[in-house]
C-alpha atoms as a PDB file:
ATOM      1  CA  MET A   1      -1.058-106.915  61.072  1.00  0.00           C
ATOM      2  CA  ALA A   2       1.461-104.565  59.517  1.00  0.00           C
ATOM      3  CA  ARG A   3       5.063-105.553  59.551  1.00  0.00           C
ATOM      4  CA  LEU A   4       7.240-103.793  62.129  1.00  0.00           C
ATOM      5  CA  SER A   5      10.088-101.573  61.009  1.00  0.00           C
ATOM      6  CA  CYS A   6      13.470-103.122  60.256  1.00  0.00           C
ATOM      7  CA  GLY A   7      15.020-101.388  63.299  1.00  0.00           C
ATOM      8  CA  ILE A   8      12.522-102.922  65.692  1.00  0.00           C
ATOM      9  CA  GLU A   9      12.973-106.361  64.133  1.00  0.00           C
ATOM     10  CA  VAL A  10      16.768-106.122  64.543  1.00  0.00           C
ATOM     11  CA  THR A  11      16.374-104.947  68.156  1.00  0.00           C
ATOM     12  CA  CYS A  12      14.061-107.881  68.803  1.00  0.00           C
ATOM     13  CA  ILE A  13      16.640-110.323  67.446  1.00  0.00           C
ATOM     14  CA  VAL A  14      19.430-108.724  69.517  1.00  0.00           C
ATOM     15  CA  LEU A  15      17.346-108.864  72.718  1.00  0.00           C
ATOM     16  CA  PHE A  16      16.394-112.473  72.069  1.00  0.00           C
ATOM     17  CA  ALA A  17      20.058-113.423  71.448  1.00  0.00           C
ATOM     18  CA  LEU A  18      21.170-111.628  74.621  1.00  0.00           C
ATOM     19  CA  ASN A  19      18.632-113.516  76.684  1.00  0.00           C
ATOM     20  CA  ILE A  20      19.658-116.861  75.199  1.00  0.00           C
ATOM     21  CA  THR A  21      23.242-116.090  76.292  1.00  0.00           C
ATOM     22  CA  PHE A  22      21.896-114.842  79.609  1.00  0.00           C
ATOM     23  CA  LEU A  23      20.049-118.157  79.958  1.00  0.00           C
ATOM     24  CA  ALA A  24      23.301-120.092  79.458  1.00  0.00           C
ATOM     25  CA  PHE A  25      25.089-118.089  82.153  1.00  0.00           C
ATOM     26  CA  GLY A  26      22.157-118.662  84.495  1.00  0.00           C
ATOM     27  CA  PHE A  27      22.664-122.396  84.102  1.00  0.00           C
ATOM     28  CA  CYS A  28      26.392-121.831  84.773  1.00  0.00           C
ATOM     29  CA  LEU A  29      25.533-120.173  88.089  1.00  0.00           C
ATOM     30  CA  VAL A  30      23.280-123.086  89.014  1.00  0.00           C
ATOM     31  CA  GLY A  31      26.051-125.523  88.107  1.00  0.00           C
ATOM     32  CA  PHE A  32      28.700-123.635  90.084  1.00  0.00           C
ATOM     33  CA  GLY A  33      26.408-123.371  93.101  1.00  0.00           C
ATOM     34  CA  THR A  34      25.718-127.100  92.916  1.00  0.00           C
ATOM     35  CA  TYR A  35      29.461-127.755  92.722  1.00  0.00           C
ATOM     36  CA  ILE A  36      30.006-125.747  95.922  1.00  0.00           C
ATOM     37  CA  LYS A  37      27.235-127.656  97.687  1.00  0.00           C
ATOM     38  CA  VAL A  38      28.536-131.104  96.734  1.00  0.00           C
ATOM     39  CA  SER A  39      32.267-130.285  96.906  1.00  0.00           C
ATOM     40  CA  LYS A  40      34.053-132.576  99.348  1.00  0.00           C
ATOM     41  CA  LYS A  41      36.518-129.827 100.249  1.00  0.00           C
ATOM     42  CA  PHE A  42      33.797-127.421 101.333  1.00  0.00           C
ATOM     43  CA  ASP A  43      32.023-130.217 103.177  1.00  0.00           C
ATOM     44  CA  ILE A  44      35.164-131.034 105.168  1.00  0.00           C
ATOM     45  CA  ALA A  45      36.386-127.453 105.709  1.00  0.00           C
ATOM     46  CA  LEU A  46      32.954-126.387 106.958  1.00  0.00           C
ATOM     47  CA  SER A  47      31.966-129.563 108.735  1.00  0.00           C
ATOM     48  CA  GLU A  48      29.584-129.482 111.686  1.00  0.00           C
ATOM     49  CA  HIS A  49      32.434-129.388 114.208  1.00  0.00           C
ATOM     50  CA  ILE A  50      34.352-126.621 112.464  1.00  0.00           C
ATOM     51  CA  SER A  51      31.681-124.272 111.126  1.00  0.00           C
ATOM     52  CA  THR A  52      30.091-123.747 114.544  1.00  0.00           C
ATOM     53  CA  ALA A  53      33.336-122.140 115.754  1.00  0.00           C
ATOM     54  CA  ILE A  54      33.696-119.795 112.786  1.00  0.00           C
ATOM     55  CA  ILE A  55      32.030-116.394 112.574  1.00  0.00           C
ATOM     56  CA  GLY A  56      30.305-116.230 109.217  1.00  0.00           C
ATOM     57  CA  GLY A  57      30.823-119.930 108.590  1.00  0.00           C
ATOM     58  CA  GLU A  58      27.133-120.407 107.878  1.00  0.00           C
ATOM     59  CA  ALA A  59      27.265-117.553 105.361  1.00  0.00           C
ATOM     60  CA  ILE A  60      30.071-119.307 103.487  1.00  0.00           C
ATOM     61  CA  GLU A  61      28.205-122.585 103.657  1.00  0.00           C
ATOM     62  CA  THR A  62      25.035-121.091 102.156  1.00  0.00           C
ATOM     63  CA  ALA A  63      26.928-119.459  99.268  1.00  0.00           C
ATOM     64  CA  GLY A  64      26.114-122.443  97.067  1.00  0.00           C
ATOM     65  CA  VAL A  65      22.402-122.180  97.839  1.00  0.00           C
ATOM     66  CA  ILE A  66      22.427-118.448  97.051  1.00  0.00           C
ATOM     67  CA  LEU A  67      24.160-119.067  93.714  1.00  0.00           C
ATOM     68  CA  ILE A  68      21.603-121.741  92.816  1.00  0.00           C
ATOM     69  CA  ILE A  69      18.705-119.394  93.669  1.00  0.00           C
ATOM     70  CA  VAL A  70      20.243-116.506  91.707  1.00  0.00           C
ATOM     71  CA  GLY A  71      20.916-118.860  88.789  1.00  0.00           C
ATOM     72  CA  ILE A  72      17.326-120.103  88.725  1.00  0.00           C
ATOM     73  CA  PHE A  73      16.029-116.514  88.939  1.00  0.00           C
ATOM     74  CA  THR A  74      18.369-115.571  86.092  1.00  0.00           C
ATOM     75  CA  VAL A  75      17.042-118.424  83.955  1.00  0.00           C
ATOM     76  CA  LEU A  76      13.420-117.430  84.626  1.00  0.00           C
ATOM     77  CA  LEU A  77      14.120-113.748  83.947  1.00  0.00           C
ATOM     78  CA  SER A  78      15.866-114.539  80.673  1.00  0.00           C
ATOM     79  CA  ALA A  79      12.872-116.647  79.621  1.00  0.00           C
ATOM     80  CA  PHE A  80      10.653-113.657  80.445  1.00  0.00           C
ATOM     81  CA  GLY A  81      12.910-111.435  78.322  1.00  0.00           C
ATOM     82  CA  CYS A  82      12.695-113.860  75.395  1.00  0.00           C
ATOM     83  CA  LEU A  83       8.911-113.812  75.701  1.00  0.00           C
ATOM     84  CA  GLY A  84       8.873-110.020  75.671  1.00  0.00           C
ATOM     85  CA  ALA A  85      11.112-109.945  72.603  1.00  0.00           C
ATOM     86  CA  LEU A  86       8.957-112.452  70.712  1.00  0.00           C
ATOM     87  CA  LEU A  87       5.605-110.862  71.615  1.00  0.00           C
ATOM     88  CA  LYS A  88       6.968-107.293  71.316  1.00  0.00           C
ATOM     89  CA  ASN A  89       4.840-106.386  74.314  1.00  0.00           C
ATOM     90  CA  ARG A  90       5.687-102.983  75.819  1.00  0.00           C
ATOM     91  CA  LEU A  91       4.550-103.960  79.332  1.00  0.00           C
ATOM     92  CA  PHE A  92       6.712-107.101  79.285  1.00  0.00           C
ATOM     93  CA  LEU A  93       9.687-105.171  77.954  1.00  0.00           C
ATOM     94  CA  TYR A  94       9.479-102.321  80.471  1.00  0.00           C
ATOM     95  CA  LEU A  95       8.876-104.732  83.357  1.00  0.00           C
ATOM     96  CA  TYR A  96      11.785-106.881  82.225  1.00  0.00           C
ATOM     97  CA  GLY A  97      14.077-103.830  82.024  1.00  0.00           C
ATOM     98  CA  ILE A  98      13.101-102.609  85.511  1.00  0.00           C
ATOM     99  CA  ILE A  99      13.548-106.026  87.156  1.00  0.00           C
ATOM    100  CA  LEU A 100      16.866-106.500  85.361  1.00  0.00           C
ATOM    101  CA  SER A 101      18.073-103.075  86.554  1.00  0.00           C
ATOM    102  CA  ILE A 102      17.253-103.975  90.158  1.00  0.00           C
ATOM    103  CA  LEU A 103      19.006-107.341  89.738  1.00  0.00           C
ATOM    104  CA  ILE A 104      22.143-105.627  88.431  1.00  0.00           C
ATOM    105  CA  LEU A 105      22.287-103.367  91.493  1.00  0.00           C
ATOM    106  CA  LEU A 106      21.776-106.308  93.858  1.00  0.00           C
ATOM    107  CA  GLU A 107      24.465-108.383  92.130  1.00  0.00           C
ATOM    108  CA  LEU A 108      26.947-105.513  92.271  1.00  0.00           C
ATOM    109  CA  ALA A 109      26.208-104.933  95.962  1.00  0.00           C
ATOM    110  CA  ALA A 110      26.558-108.641  96.791  1.00  0.00           C
ATOM    111  CA  PHE A 111      29.830-108.952  94.869  1.00  0.00           C
ATOM    112  CA  ILE A 112      31.304-105.837  96.517  1.00  0.00           C
ATOM    113  CA  ILE A 113      30.300-107.095  99.971  1.00  0.00           C
ATOM    114  CA  MET A 114      31.840-110.497  99.276  1.00  0.00           C
ATOM    115  CA  MET A 115      35.129-109.036  98.049  1.00  0.00           C
ATOM    116  CA  SER A 116      35.313-106.548 100.924  1.00  0.00           C
ATOM    117  CA  SER A 117      34.782-109.396 103.425  1.00  0.00           C
ATOM    118  CA  ARG A 118      37.839-111.371 102.327  1.00  0.00           C
ATOM    119  CA  VAL A 119      39.980-110.234 105.265  1.00  0.00           C
ATOM    120  CA  ARG A 120      37.162-110.802 107.760  1.00  0.00           C
ATOM    121  CA  ILE A 121      36.498-114.301 106.425  1.00  0.00           C
ATOM    122  CA  ARG A 122      40.208-115.156 106.513  1.00  0.00           C
ATOM    123  CA  ASP A 123      40.664-113.912 110.091  1.00  0.00           C
ATOM    124  CA  SER A 124      37.453-115.621 111.154  1.00  0.00           C
ATOM    125  CA  TYR A 125      38.566-118.968 109.763  1.00  0.00           C
ATOM    126  CA  HIS A 126      42.027-118.663 111.324  1.00  0.00           C
ATOM    127  CA  SER A 127      40.713-117.871 114.809  1.00  0.00           C
ATOM    128  CA  GLY A 128      37.786-120.303 114.568  1.00  0.00           C
ATOM    129  CA  LEU A 129      39.931-123.218 113.431  1.00  0.00           C
ATOM    130  CA  TRP A 130      42.450-122.468 116.180  1.00  0.00           C
ATOM    131  CA  ARG A 131      39.651-122.733 118.768  1.00  0.00           C
ATOM    132  CA  VAL A 132      38.634-126.081 117.302  1.00  0.00           C
ATOM    133  CA  PHE A 133      42.269-127.253 117.306  1.00  0.00           C
ATOM    134  CA  THR A 134      43.009-126.299 120.920  1.00  0.00           C
ATOM    135  CA  ASN A 135      39.683-127.701 122.078  1.00  0.00           C
ATOM    136  CA  ALA A 136      40.322-130.970 120.239  1.00  0.00           C
ATOM    137  CA  TYR A 137      43.756-131.683 121.709  1.00  0.00           C
ATOM    138  CA  GLY A 138      43.454-129.716 124.953  1.00  0.00           C
ATOM    139  CA  ASN A 139      40.274-131.538 125.998  1.00  0.00           C
ATOM    140  CA  ASN A 140      41.019-134.794 124.147  1.00  0.00           C
ATOM    141  CA  ARG A 141      37.958-134.645 121.893  1.00  0.00           C
ATOM    142  CA  PRO A 142      38.098-137.605 119.438  1.00  0.00           C
ATOM    143  CA  ASP A 143      35.355-136.136 117.230  1.00  0.00           C
ATOM    144  CA  LEU A 144      37.184-132.835 116.808  1.00  0.00           C
ATOM    145  CA  ILE A 145      40.545-134.562 116.344  1.00  0.00           C
ATOM    146  CA  ALA A 146      39.028-136.653 113.544  1.00  0.00           C
ATOM    147  CA  ALA A 147      37.656-133.476 111.887  1.00  0.00           C
ATOM    148  CA  VAL A 148      41.060-131.754 112.052  1.00  0.00           C
ATOM    149  CA  GLU A 149      42.920-134.775 110.659  1.00  0.00           C
ATOM    150  CA  GLU A 150      40.403-135.187 107.836  1.00  0.00           C
ATOM    151  CA  LEU A 151      40.946-131.520 106.967  1.00  0.00           C
ATOM    152  CA  GLU A 152      44.717-132.092 106.925  1.00  0.00           C
ATOM    153  CA  ARG A 153      44.457-135.079 104.595  1.00  0.00           C
ATOM    154  CA  GLU A 154      42.087-133.360 102.164  1.00  0.00           C
ATOM    155  CA  PHE A 155      43.985-130.056 101.905  1.00  0.00           C
ATOM    156  CA  LYS A 156      47.490-131.531 102.429  1.00  0.00           C
ATOM    157  CA  CYS A 157      48.206-129.231 105.351  1.00  0.00           C
ATOM    158  CA  CYS A 158      49.292-129.521 108.979  1.00  0.00           C
ATOM    159  CA  GLY A 159      47.839-127.816 112.027  1.00  0.00           C
ATOM    160  CA  VAL A 160      46.165-124.428 111.862  1.00  0.00           C
ATOM    161  CA  TYR A 161      49.223-122.296 111.080  1.00  0.00           C
ATOM    162  CA  GLY A 162      51.779-125.091 110.635  1.00  0.00           C
ATOM    163  CA  PHE A 163      53.165-128.260 112.237  1.00  0.00           C
ATOM    164  CA  SER A 164      54.517-126.225 115.170  1.00  0.00           C
ATOM    165  CA  ASP A 165      50.945-125.947 116.455  1.00  0.00           C
ATOM    166  CA  TYR A 166      51.245-129.516 117.735  1.00  0.00           C
ATOM    167  CA  LEU A 167      54.283-128.536 119.781  1.00  0.00           C
ATOM    168  CA  GLN A 168      52.229-125.807 121.445  1.00  0.00           C
ATOM    169  CA  VAL A 169      49.559-128.271 122.569  1.00  0.00           C
ATOM    170  CA  LEU A 170      52.215-130.859 123.506  1.00  0.00           C
ATOM    171  CA  GLN A 171      51.016-133.415 120.987  1.00  0.00           C
ATOM    172  CA  LYS A 172      52.802-135.699 118.552  1.00  0.00           C
ATOM    173  CA  ILE A 173      52.434-134.729 114.896  1.00  0.00           C
ATOM    174  CA  PRO A 174      49.785-137.110 113.467  1.00  0.00           C
ATOM    175  CA  SER A 175      50.121-139.252 110.356  1.00  0.00           C
ATOM    176  CA  SER A 176      47.672-136.990 108.525  1.00  0.00           C
ATOM    177  CA  CYS A 177      50.410-134.353 108.343  1.00  0.00           C
ATOM    178  CA  TYR A 178      52.687-136.544 106.228  1.00  0.00           C
ATOM    179  CA  LEU A 179      52.709-137.046 102.472  1.00  0.00           C
ATOM    180  CA  ASP A 180      52.467-140.823 102.928  1.00  0.00           C
ATOM    181  CA  GLN A 181      51.992-143.272 105.738  1.00  0.00           C
ATOM    182  CA  SER A 182      55.660-144.333 105.733  1.00  0.00           C
ATOM    183  CA  PHE A 183      56.498-141.061 107.528  1.00  0.00           C
ATOM    184  CA  THR A 184      59.567-140.644 105.331  1.00  0.00           C
ATOM    185  CA  GLN A 185      58.220-137.742 103.270  1.00  0.00           C
ATOM    186  CA  PRO A 186      58.322-134.137 104.512  1.00  0.00           C
ATOM    187  CA  ILE A 187      55.513-132.799 106.658  1.00  0.00           C
ATOM    188  CA  PHE A 188      53.015-130.555 104.875  1.00  0.00           C
ATOM    189  CA  GLY A 189      54.388-127.055 105.224  1.00  0.00           C
ATOM    190  CA  LYS A 190      51.184-125.010 104.971  1.00  0.00           C
ATOM    191  CA  GLY A 191      48.707-124.614 107.806  1.00  0.00           C
ATOM    192  CA  CYS A 192      45.139-125.720 107.160  1.00  0.00           C
ATOM    193  CA  ALA A 193      43.649-122.254 107.679  1.00  0.00           C
ATOM    194  CA  ASP A 194      45.723-120.776 104.848  1.00  0.00           C
ATOM    195  CA  ALA A 195      45.277-123.908 102.720  1.00  0.00           C
ATOM    196  CA  PHE A 196      41.481-123.645 102.808  1.00  0.00           C
ATOM    197  CA  ILE A 197      41.358-119.869 102.323  1.00  0.00           C
ATOM    198  CA  ASP A 198      43.803-120.076  99.392  1.00  0.00           C
ATOM    199  CA  TRP A 199      41.744-122.853  97.776  1.00  0.00           C
ATOM    200  CA  MET A 200      38.476-120.970  98.309  1.00  0.00           C
ATOM    201  CA  TRP A 201      39.790-117.749  96.786  1.00  0.00           C
ATOM    202  CA  ASP A 202      41.207-119.715  93.855  1.00  0.00           C
ATOM    203  CA  GLU A 203      37.558-120.397  93.003  1.00  0.00           C
ATOM    204  CA  VAL A 204      36.677-116.676  93.058  1.00  0.00           C
ATOM    205  CA  PRO A 205      38.084-115.842  89.558  1.00  0.00           C
ATOM    206  CA  ILE A 206      35.714-118.418  88.053  1.00  0.00           C
ATOM    207  CA  LEU A 207      32.755-116.877  89.838  1.00  0.00           C
ATOM    208  CA  SER A 208      33.990-113.349  89.060  1.00  0.00           C
ATOM    209  CA  GLY A 209      34.216-114.172  85.359  1.00  0.00           C
ATOM    210  CA  ILE A 210      30.687-115.562  85.303  1.00  0.00           C
ATOM    211  CA  VAL A 211      29.293-112.580  87.237  1.00  0.00           C
ATOM    212  CA  ALA A 212      31.147-110.053  85.040  1.00  0.00           C
ATOM    213  CA  ALA A 213      29.861-111.685  81.858  1.00  0.00           C
ATOM    214  CA  ILE A 214      26.319-111.768  83.237  1.00  0.00           C
ATOM    215  CA  LEU A 215      26.484-108.103  84.277  1.00  0.00           C
ATOM    216  CA  ILE A 216      27.637-107.035  80.809  1.00  0.00           C
ATOM    217  CA  ILE A 217      24.839-109.011  79.183  1.00  0.00           C
ATOM    218  CA  GLU A 218      22.325-107.644  81.698  1.00  0.00           C
ATOM    219  CA  ILE A 219      23.344-104.029  81.004  1.00  0.00           C
ATOM    220  CA  PHE A 220      22.931-104.588  77.258  1.00  0.00           C
ATOM    221  CA  GLY A 221      19.640-106.322  78.036  1.00  0.00           C
ATOM    222  CA  VAL A 222      18.331-103.306  79.963  1.00  0.00           C
ATOM    223  CA  ILE A 223      19.350-100.878  77.209  1.00  0.00           C
ATOM    224  CA  THR A 224      17.922-103.078  74.471  1.00  0.00           C
ATOM    225  CA  SER A 225      14.634-103.790  76.269  1.00  0.00           C
ATOM    226  CA  PHE A 226      13.935-100.093  76.960  1.00  0.00           C
ATOM    227  CA  ALA A 227      14.968 -99.145  73.413  1.00  0.00           C
ATOM    228  CA  MET A 228      12.704-101.811  71.950  1.00  0.00           C
ATOM    229  CA  ALA A 229       9.789-100.861  74.217  1.00  0.00           C
ATOM    230  CA  ALA A 230      10.156 -97.203  73.197  1.00  0.00           C
ATOM    231  CA  ALA A 231      10.388 -98.174  69.515  1.00  0.00           C
ATOM    232  CA  VAL A 232       7.264-100.337  69.738  1.00  0.00           C
ATOM    233  CA  SER A 233       5.470 -97.509  71.541  1.00  0.00           C
ATOM    234  CA  HIS A 234       6.389 -94.949  68.868  1.00  0.00           C
ATOM    235  CA  TYR A 235       5.444 -97.404  66.136  1.00  0.00           C
ATOM    236  CA  SER A 236       2.025 -98.011  67.718  1.00  0.00           C
ATOM    237  CA  TYR A 237       1.363 -94.289  68.150  1.00  0.00           C
ATOM    238  CA  GLY A 238       2.530 -93.667  64.589  1.00  0.00           C
ATOM    239  CA  ARG A 239       0.105 -96.243  63.237  1.00  0.00           C
ATOM    240  CA  LEU A 240      -2.704 -94.779  65.344  1.00  0.00           C
ATOM    241  CA  ASP A 241      -2.021 -91.215  64.159  1.00  0.00           C
ATOM    242  CA  GLY A 242      -1.811 -92.420  60.554  1.00  0.00           C
ATOM    243  CA  LYS A 243      -5.114 -94.201  60.878  1.00  0.00           C
ATOM    244  CA  LYS A 244      -6.807 -91.090  62.305  1.00  0.00           C
ATOM    245  CA  PHE A 245      -5.343 -88.945  59.517  1.00  0.00           C
ATOM    246  CA  HIS A 246      -6.596 -91.390  56.904  1.00  0.00           C
ATOM    247  CA  GLU A 247     -10.098 -91.472  58.421  1.00  0.00           C
ATOM    248  CA  THR A 248     -10.185 -87.632  58.539  1.00  0.00           C
ATOM    249  CA  ALA A 249      -9.054 -87.365  54.930  1.00  0.00           C
ATOM    250  CA  VAL A 250     -11.767 -89.783  53.827  1.00  0.00           C
END
């Protein structure tokens, strides 16, 4: 088999390198999704008692699963891209470019939806947690009270909006609102709704950085795969035309 042109060989190497990097970021998504699933803070903030009262709580809870699925798909797609680069198969390369283009659009849409839902998620958690709080102390629900106090200890917060919430429900401020059990330290100043939302959005820059890096690599991957497929196609047609010319001349 004749050796491919230098340009095609370089494009092959670039595409292979991009997909190796793409593969690494796919594993990062899987790792981050796993972290969300096993994180104690998420487990407490979206416990069974709390998440049922929050609109969209299930969507937040399944974010880790979605990231894991997207990460696995990313890993598989990058492996497919590496295979296309190594075999220099036009069908593989075009198919890889088309699937990657669709994935880019889906990722952009999902990220835009997530960012545009920040206010809705915040308001939903505030109102939902307040319903849990008033139900817990208004109806003397030990299970809900335990969930609220566990949330306070984990996020170092007090009440839904602040310690004054306990005054509204005519309850004594619990020990979970204090820095230590001696009750000599100041009460946590931040409400638990803001504490959780602030912590959750502190995680967003990490995810945003991973997604941005993946999108850049994916865009280069699409351009490179189509360029390589076109180059291989022209090379094949060039060889075929040359062969026909040689046979005619003979």
